Amino acid sequence: MPLVLRYAKIVISSVVRRMSVSVLGAEADLFRALAHPFRLQLLELLREEEACVCHLSAYFDKPQPYVSKHLAELRDAGLVVDRRDGQRVYYRLSDPSLGAVLDDVRTATRRLGASPDEETERLVPRYPVPGCECPRCAVA
């Protein structure tokens, strides 16, 4: 085999290997972002509608910095997007099809023997949430 062809083959296989590692790395990053129960709860609630940080903090009875930290992880992974309205920051799923992914994960874990978690099963938006001062809670 001519030297040029051998070199081209090495370069091409190197690019393919890097591409595979890149895709696998991105997939690993996605699973890492999903690898926290609270982040899954946030996604579960946000699948219904967007919510502001103060609402999520009051809903889950967690400090605002804790909620913001986990939302930033989800945003950095591309799972949620945010929008600012005055001093409030609202979050929503970046892609509505993520709800189907959450359903698939829940189905798979149940098939593997996990029992349903009552806390997760009842995650539905509600207004007003005690302790929340967001516009939706103020009107409700």
C-alpha atoms as a PDB file:
ATOM      1  CA  MET A   1       0.000   0.000   0.000  1.00  0.00           C
ATOM      2  CA  PRO A   2       1.414   3.402  -0.927  1.00  0.00           C
ATOM      3  CA  LEU A   3       2.585   5.572   1.956  1.00  0.00           C
ATOM      4  CA  VAL A   4       0.008   8.302   1.195  1.00  0.00           C
ATOM      5  CA  LEU A   5      -2.879   5.821   1.432  1.00  0.00           C
ATOM      6  CA  ARG A   6      -1.511   4.374   4.682  1.00  0.00           C
ATOM      7  CA  TYR A   7      -1.289   7.896   6.136  1.00  0.00           C
ATOM      8  CA  ALA A   8      -4.833   8.744   4.946  1.00  0.00           C
ATOM      9  CA  LYS A   9      -6.136   5.557   6.547  1.00  0.00           C
ATOM     10  CA  ILE A  10      -4.460   6.452   9.855  1.00  0.00           C
ATOM     11  CA  VAL A  11      -5.842  10.006   9.743  1.00  0.00           C
ATOM     12  CA  ILE A  12      -9.365   8.821   8.897  1.00  0.00           C
ATOM     13  CA  SER A  13      -9.407   6.184  11.646  1.00  0.00           C
ATOM     14  CA  SER A  14      -8.106   8.781  14.113  1.00  0.00           C
ATOM     15  CA  VAL A  15     -10.938  11.189  13.171  1.00  0.00           C
ATOM     16  CA  VAL A  16     -13.534   8.427  13.490  1.00  0.00           C
ATOM     17  CA  ARG A  17     -12.176   7.461  16.931  1.00  0.00           C
ATOM     18  CA  ARG A  18     -12.258  11.089  18.101  1.00  0.00           C
ATOM     19  CA  MET A  19     -15.781  11.484  16.768  1.00  0.00           C
ATOM     20  CA  SER A  20     -16.935   8.380  18.663  1.00  0.00           C
ATOM     21  CA  VAL A  21     -15.289   9.595  21.851  1.00  0.00           C
ATOM     22  CA  SER A  22     -16.863  13.005  21.329  1.00  0.00           C
ATOM     23  CA  VAL A  23     -20.354  11.528  20.945  1.00  0.00           C
ATOM     24  CA  LEU A  24     -19.827   9.210  23.906  1.00  0.00           C
ATOM     25  CA  GLY A  25     -18.508  12.128  25.933  1.00  0.00           C
ATOM     26  CA  ALA A  26     -21.596  14.169  25.139  1.00  0.00           C
ATOM     27  CA  GLU A  27     -23.819  11.245  26.101  1.00  0.00           C
ATOM     28  CA  ALA A  28     -21.895  10.801  29.361  1.00  0.00           C
ATOM     29  CA  ASP A  29     -22.329  14.523  30.107  1.00  0.00           C
ATOM     30  CA  LEU A  30     -26.062  14.190  29.550  1.00  0.00           C
ATOM     31  CA  PHE A  31     -26.332  11.221  31.901  1.00  0.00           C
ATOM     32  CA  ARG A  32     -24.194  13.073  34.446  1.00  0.00           C
ATOM     33  CA  ALA A  33     -26.662  15.971  34.363  1.00  0.00           C
ATOM     34  CA  LEU A  34     -29.534  13.546  34.932  1.00  0.00           C
ATOM     35  CA  ALA A  35     -27.718  11.715  37.724  1.00  0.00           C
ATOM     36  CA  HIS A  36     -29.238  13.625  40.625  1.00  0.00           C
ATOM     37  CA  PRO A  37     -32.728  12.962  42.023  1.00  0.00           C
ATOM     38  CA  PHE A  38     -33.467  16.658  42.525  1.00  0.00           C
ATOM     39  CA  ARG A  39     -32.598  17.506  38.914  1.00  0.00           C
ATOM     40  CA  LEU A  40     -34.995  14.779  37.789  1.00  0.00           C
ATOM     41  CA  GLN A  41     -37.689  16.306  39.995  1.00  0.00           C
ATOM     42  CA  LEU A  42     -37.051  19.718  38.441  1.00  0.00           C
ATOM     43  CA  LEU A  43     -37.344  18.284  34.936  1.00  0.00           C
ATOM     44  CA  GLU A  44     -40.508  16.428  35.908  1.00  0.00           C
ATOM     45  CA  LEU A  45     -42.162  19.642  37.085  1.00  0.00           C
ATOM     46  CA  LEU A  46     -40.866  21.747  34.186  1.00  0.00           C
ATOM     47  CA  ARG A  47     -42.266  19.304  31.646  1.00  0.00           C
ATOM     48  CA  GLU A  48     -45.698  20.755  32.379  1.00  0.00           C
ATOM     49  CA  GLU A  49     -44.847  24.455  32.109  1.00  0.00           C
ATOM     50  CA  GLU A  50     -42.165  27.000  32.782  1.00  0.00           C
ATOM     51  CA  ALA A  51     -41.576  28.186  36.317  1.00  0.00           C
ATOM     52  CA  CYS A  52     -39.489  30.855  38.002  1.00  0.00           C
ATOM     53  CA  VAL A  53     -36.738  30.041  40.458  1.00  0.00           C
ATOM     54  CA  CYS A  54     -38.658  31.460  43.426  1.00  0.00           C
ATOM     55  CA  HIS A  55     -41.622  29.236  42.576  1.00  0.00           C
ATOM     56  CA  LEU A  56     -39.451  26.129  42.271  1.00  0.00           C
ATOM     57  CA  SER A  57     -37.702  26.987  45.527  1.00  0.00           C
ATOM     58  CA  ALA A  58     -41.019  27.328  47.373  1.00  0.00           C
ATOM     59  CA  TYR A  59     -42.569  24.298  45.655  1.00  0.00           C
ATOM     60  CA  PHE A  60     -39.729  21.991  46.716  1.00  0.00           C
ATOM     61  CA  ASP A  61     -39.054  23.833  50.000  1.00  0.00           C
ATOM     62  CA  LYS A  62     -35.369  24.196  49.090  1.00  0.00           C
ATOM     63  CA  PRO A  63     -33.107  27.260  49.372  1.00  0.00           C
ATOM     64  CA  GLN A  64     -32.959  29.373  46.226  1.00  0.00           C
ATOM     65  CA  PRO A  65     -29.175  28.890  45.761  1.00  0.00           C
ATOM     66  CA  TYR A  66     -29.633  25.096  45.852  1.00  0.00           C
ATOM     67  CA  VAL A  67     -32.365  25.250  43.199  1.00  0.00           C
ATOM     68  CA  SER A  68     -30.367  27.696  41.052  1.00  0.00           C
ATOM     69  CA  LYS A  69     -27.276  25.491  41.194  1.00  0.00           C
ATOM     70  CA  HIS A  70     -29.191  22.479  39.880  1.00  0.00           C
ATOM     71  CA  LEU A  71     -30.970  24.540  37.228  1.00  0.00           C
ATOM     72  CA  ALA A  72     -27.570  25.805  36.049  1.00  0.00           C
ATOM     73  CA  GLU A  73     -26.385  22.187  35.706  1.00  0.00           C
ATOM     74  CA  LEU A  74     -29.458  21.376  33.624  1.00  0.00           C
ATOM     75  CA  ARG A  75     -29.020  24.529  31.538  1.00  0.00           C
ATOM     76  CA  ASP A  76     -25.335  23.797  30.919  1.00  0.00           C
ATOM     77  CA  ALA A  77     -26.316  20.318  29.734  1.00  0.00           C
ATOM     78  CA  GLY A  78     -28.843  21.854  27.332  1.00  0.00           C
ATOM     79  CA  LEU A  79     -31.851  20.292  29.046  1.00  0.00           C
ATOM     80  CA  VAL A  80     -33.518  23.546  30.102  1.00  0.00           C
ATOM     81  CA  VAL A  81     -33.509  27.104  28.825  1.00  0.00           C
ATOM     82  CA  ASP A  82     -34.119  30.255  30.779  1.00  0.00           C
ATOM     83  CA  ARG A  83     -35.639  33.637  30.137  1.00  0.00           C
ATOM     84  CA  ARG A  84     -35.472  36.744  32.249  1.00  0.00           C
ATOM     85  CA  ASP A  85     -38.516  38.840  33.063  1.00  0.00           C
ATOM     86  CA  GLY A  86     -37.417  41.750  35.218  1.00  0.00           C
ATOM     87  CA  GLN A  87     -35.700  40.248  38.236  1.00  0.00           C
ATOM     88  CA  ARG A  88     -37.275  36.823  37.779  1.00  0.00           C
ATOM     89  CA  VAL A  89     -35.693  34.001  35.821  1.00  0.00           C
ATOM     90  CA  TYR A  90     -38.042  31.426  34.311  1.00  0.00           C
ATOM     91  CA  TYR A  91     -36.988  27.951  33.208  1.00  0.00           C
ATOM     92  CA  ARG A  92     -38.564  25.443  30.848  1.00  0.00           C
ATOM     93  CA  LEU A  93     -37.509  22.277  29.067  1.00  0.00           C
ATOM     94  CA  SER A  94     -35.351  23.024  26.051  1.00  0.00           C
ATOM     95  CA  ASP A  95     -37.220  20.382  24.047  1.00  0.00           C
ATOM     96  CA  PRO A  96     -40.725  19.102  24.857  1.00  0.00           C
ATOM     97  CA  SER A  97     -39.690  15.591  23.768  1.00  0.00           C
ATOM     98  CA  LEU A  98     -37.598  15.374  26.949  1.00  0.00           C
ATOM     99  CA  GLY A  99     -40.856  14.478  28.697  1.00  0.00           C
ATOM    100  CA  ALA A 100     -40.947  11.247  26.688  1.00  0.00           C
ATOM    101  CA  VAL A 101     -37.341  10.548  27.702  1.00  0.00           C
ATOM    102  CA  LEU A 102     -38.309  10.957  31.359  1.00  0.00           C
ATOM    103  CA  ASP A 103     -41.208   8.544  30.815  1.00  0.00           C
ATOM    104  CA  ASP A 104     -38.880   6.010  29.196  1.00  0.00           C
ATOM    105  CA  VAL A 105     -36.417   6.267  32.082  1.00  0.00           C
ATOM    106  CA  ARG A 106     -39.223   5.754  34.608  1.00  0.00           C
ATOM    107  CA  THR A 107     -40.531   2.741  32.681  1.00  0.00           C
ATOM    108  CA  ALA A 108     -37.047   1.227  32.477  1.00  0.00           C
ATOM    109  CA  THR A 109     -36.364   1.683  36.198  1.00  0.00           C
ATOM    110  CA  ARG A 110     -39.680   0.059  37.084  1.00  0.00           C
ATOM    111  CA  ARG A 111     -38.870  -2.883  34.835  1.00  0.00           C
ATOM    112  CA  LEU A 112     -35.598  -3.188  36.706  1.00  0.00           C
ATOM    113  CA  GLY A 113     -37.506  -3.467  39.982  1.00  0.00           C
ATOM    114  CA  ALA A 114     -37.748   0.089  41.307  1.00  0.00           C
ATOM    115  CA  SER A 115     -41.002   0.781  43.093  1.00  0.00           C
ATOM    116  CA  PRO A 116     -42.984   3.924  42.240  1.00  0.00           C
ATOM    117  CA  ASP A 117     -42.027   6.951  44.309  1.00  0.00           C
ATOM    118  CA  GLU A 118     -45.067   8.790  45.593  1.00  0.00           C
ATOM    119  CA  GLU A 119     -43.122  12.069  45.750  1.00  0.00           C
ATOM    120  CA  THR A 120     -42.305  11.917  42.046  1.00  0.00           C
ATOM    121  CA  GLU A 121     -45.701  10.646  40.988  1.00  0.00           C
ATOM    122  CA  ARG A 122     -47.492  13.750  42.213  1.00  0.00           C
ATOM    123  CA  LEU A 123     -45.280  16.452  40.723  1.00  0.00           C
ATOM    124  CA  VAL A 124     -47.814  18.734  39.114  1.00  0.00           C
ATOM    125  CA  PRO A 125     -47.748  22.517  38.983  1.00  0.00           C
ATOM    126  CA  ARG A 126     -49.902  24.145  41.628  1.00  0.00           C
ATOM    127  CA  TYR A 127     -50.716  27.723  42.412  1.00  0.00           C
ATOM    128  CA  PRO A 128     -50.375  29.381  44.798  1.00  0.00           C
ATOM    129  CA  VAL A 129     -47.426  27.811  46.562  1.00  0.00           C
ATOM    130  CA  PRO A 130     -46.998  29.038  50.120  1.00  0.00           C
ATOM    131  CA  GLY A 131     -43.908  31.224  50.405  1.00  0.00           C
ATOM    132  CA  CYS A 132     -43.769  32.054  46.695  1.00  0.00           C
ATOM    133  CA  GLU A 133     -44.137  35.643  45.566  1.00  0.00           C
ATOM    134  CA  CYS A 134     -44.116  35.046  41.819  1.00  0.00           C
ATOM    135  CA  PRO A 135     -46.835  36.700  39.730  1.00  0.00           C
ATOM    136  CA  ARG A 136     -48.694  33.414  39.178  1.00  0.00           C
ATOM    137  CA  CYS A 137     -48.907  32.712  42.912  1.00  0.00           C
ATOM    138  CA  ALA A 138     -49.888  36.299  43.679  1.00  0.00           C
ATOM    139  CA  VAL A 139     -52.826  36.131  41.250  1.00  0.00           C
ATOM    140  CA  ALA A 140     -54.058  32.657  42.212  1.00  0.00           C
END
